[in-house]
Amino acid sequence: MKCLIVGGTGFLGGAMADAIADAGHETVILSRGQSQRKGVAGVKVLCADRDDDLSILKGQKFDWVFDSCAYTPDMVNNLLDVLGDGIKRYVLISSISAYDTFSRPDITEDIDVPNATEEDFVAARKIARKDRAQAPAYGAAYGRLKWACEITAAERLGDRVTSLRVGLLVGAGDYTDRLTWWVRRIDEAHDERKQVIAPAPKSRSVQVIDVRDVADFALRCVENGLSGVWNVTSQPIEFSYILDRLIEVSASDAEVNWIAEELILDAGVVPWTDLPLMAPAVPEFKYFMEVDTSRALAAGLKCRPLEETLKSVLEWDRRRRDVVLECGLTAEQEAKLLGGGA
């Protein structure tokens, strides 16, 4: 099959390019040309900004289209207008953020999700063009706009659309550093930095998925004609299990100090930003890391062993220790918190 990957040099797009090309399909990447990721042998790269001029795609025919960076319905429409209706399968990378609230325990693909508002669309159009390919630029409207993208694609292509509501992506090359911060912190835990802060309770649920597993499932969907919406992430993992495996794979001397959530918040630490993988302590995020993935699992979603993912992130990050991470506790915050364990 002839495949187009939109955003194919990014984190997830790059993983999809690898998986699809390795499977023997003719692969073309559409990219703005701003990523430093190395290209895949035998894969053609077209440079264009999807939010500007897509004339480079005119006249080209693709069987399968994998869209890793659609953030507004306009982006979906602009792409499909150029490609026409001959697409056999359109895979849209959506997000579990489409659910907007996680105050209930049964987050399945069948529950209602909130629609984007006119204010969401207006704000999105005001985002500077250079920032429109970055999810954080859309703020609280991100999930609602992803749902709007799903609706738009389905209206255009019907059951030829596969929407993957992806959870927290991790792996080598992750630009958010949410898992990477923990990998580096554990790996560097020695001497006076031996004590590592973690948010109690130890049984706190975390859901992450290796970017390569999402790519493999996306390919499985098109090869098997799987339509509709799919939650794509791991089953819940206890936080302590992740840190224990990290200590093992890095042969670290780390000693984890589990701190009560109230003490963490009282110290001014911002969940998710200052302390990655710790969901905000508010009712609407209570089940954020307990999304139901039974539909995807039954259809063949496979998550590789956590240790394999941790090793790949560790090896990658050890080659880039001069890079300042995008999130994580400061030394001052850690020192303040070590005054009270739980």
Foldseek 3Di string as FASTA:
>chain_A
DEEEEEQLQADLNVLLQVVCVVVPHAYEYEECPPDPRDDDPNYHYDHDQLVPDPLVLAPPEGQEYEYEFDQALVSLVSVCVRHDQNHQAYEYEAALCQQVFDLDQAFDQPDDGDAQDPVLVVQLVPQPSVCNRPQCSSPSCRNNRSVNNVVSVCVRHPQRYEYEHEYAEAFQNDQQCLVVVLLVLQLPQDDPSQEDEDEDDQQDWFKYAYSNLVSVLVVLCVVVSPGDYAYDIDATDGNNVLNVLSCVLSVGSHDYFHAYPVLLVVLVQDECFARNRGDDPDSRCRNVRHYDRVVSVVSPRDGPDSSVRSNRSNVNVVVPVVDDHRGYHDPVSVVSRVVDGD
